[in-house]
Amino acid sequence: MTVERYLSASPKDIKKVALVCKKCGAVMGYRPTEWKHVPTKCPNCPIPDGEMHSAGADYASLDGLRETLSKAVKNDNPLFEIRF
């Protein structure tokens, strides 16, 4: 038997998005309305070890999330909720 639990939130409920470096654990937090770009380097790791991702699928996915959240939190009547 599988038990599932969901956390539901309106886009406006999201106060901050945290990106965590897999190498050192450094956390970069962004408010959806102020998140202007996806970081390509960890501010804590020495270069080139600080490369978080290339301009491939990870970057495109994060940038899409950034753009979608930025628009969704500004909408007064969202048509969806987010479940985690």
Protein backbone atom coordinates (compact mmCIF):
# COMPACT_ATOMS: atom_id res chain seq x y z
CA MET A 1 0.00 0.00 0.00
CA THR A 2 1.28 3.45 -0.91
CA VAL A 3 0.45 6.54 1.10
CA GLU A 4 0.73 9.86 -0.69
CA ARG A 5 0.69 13.31 0.81
CA TYR A 6 0.46 16.53 -1.16
CA LEU A 7 1.19 20.10 -0.29
CA SER A 8 -0.96 22.42 -2.38
CA ALA A 9 -0.12 26.07 -2.92
CA SER A 10 -1.30 28.95 -5.02
CA PRO A 11 1.50 30.54 -7.06
CA LYS A 12 1.22 33.63 -4.81
CA ASP A 13 2.02 31.42 -1.79
CA ILE A 14 5.54 30.80 -3.13
CA LYS A 15 7.75 33.31 -1.35
CA LYS A 16 11.16 32.02 -2.38
CA VAL A 17 12.77 29.43 -4.67
CA ALA A 18 16.00 27.90 -3.39
CA LEU A 19 18.66 26.48 -5.71
CA VAL A 20 21.18 24.26 -3.92
CA CYS A 21 24.66 23.45 -5.24
CA LYS A 22 25.07 19.66 -5.31
CA LYS A 23 28.81 19.96 -4.66
CA CYS A 24 29.03 22.25 -1.62
CA GLY A 25 25.42 22.71 -0.52
CA ALA A 26 25.39 26.49 -0.96
CA VAL A 27 21.85 27.85 -1.23
CA MET A 28 20.79 30.65 -3.55
CA GLY A 29 17.31 31.97 -2.78
CA TYR A 30 15.15 33.99 -5.15
CA ARG A 31 11.73 35.62 -4.81
CA PRO A 32 9.70 34.69 -7.91
CA THR A 33 8.98 38.34 -8.74
CA GLU A 34 12.66 39.29 -8.44
CA TRP A 35 14.28 36.21 -10.02
CA LYS A 36 15.84 37.72 -13.16
CA HIS A 37 18.20 34.96 -14.37
CA VAL A 38 19.25 31.39 -13.70
CA PRO A 39 22.76 31.23 -12.21
CA THR A 40 25.34 29.26 -14.17
CA LYS A 41 27.93 29.12 -11.39
CA CYS A 42 27.85 28.48 -7.68
CA PRO A 43 29.02 31.60 -5.82
CA ASN A 44 30.78 29.42 -3.25
CA CYS A 45 32.68 26.85 -5.37
CA PRO A 46 35.96 27.68 -7.09
CA ILE A 47 35.79 27.91 -10.87
CA PRO A 48 35.56 25.58 -12.85
CA ASP A 49 34.16 23.38 -10.06
CA GLY A 50 31.41 25.96 -9.60
CA GLU A 51 29.75 25.11 -12.94
CA MET A 52 26.20 24.28 -11.92
CA HIS A 53 24.96 23.27 -15.35
CA SER A 54 25.56 23.86 -19.00
CA ALA A 55 23.21 25.68 -21.34
CA GLY A 56 21.37 22.41 -21.88
CA ALA A 57 18.13 20.93 -20.60
CA ASP A 58 18.70 21.86 -16.93
CA TYR A 59 19.20 25.52 -17.76
CA ALA A 60 16.22 25.65 -20.11
CA SER A 61 13.97 23.94 -17.54
CA LEU A 62 15.01 26.27 -14.72
CA ASP A 63 14.62 29.31 -16.92
CA GLY A 64 11.13 28.16 -17.91
CA LEU A 65 10.25 27.68 -14.23
CA ARG A 66 11.62 31.14 -13.43
CA GLU A 67 9.57 32.78 -16.17
CA THR A 68 6.36 30.87 -15.34
CA LEU A 69 6.55 31.60 -11.61
CA SER A 70 7.29 35.25 -12.24
CA LYS A 71 4.13 35.57 -14.33
CA ALA A 72 1.96 33.35 -12.12
CA VAL A 73 2.58 35.23 -8.87
CA LYS A 74 1.49 38.48 -10.54
CA ASN A 75 -1.84 36.96 -11.62
CA ASP A 76 -4.68 37.87 -9.23
CA ASN A 77 -6.84 34.95 -10.33
CA PRO A 78 -4.62 31.94 -11.13
CA LEU A 79 -6.20 29.03 -12.96
CA PHE A 80 -4.11 26.41 -11.17
CA GLU A 81 -2.50 25.43 -7.91
CA ILE A 82 0.85 23.76 -7.45
CA ARG A 83 1.12 20.40 -5.68
CA PHE A 84 4.29 19.01 -4.19
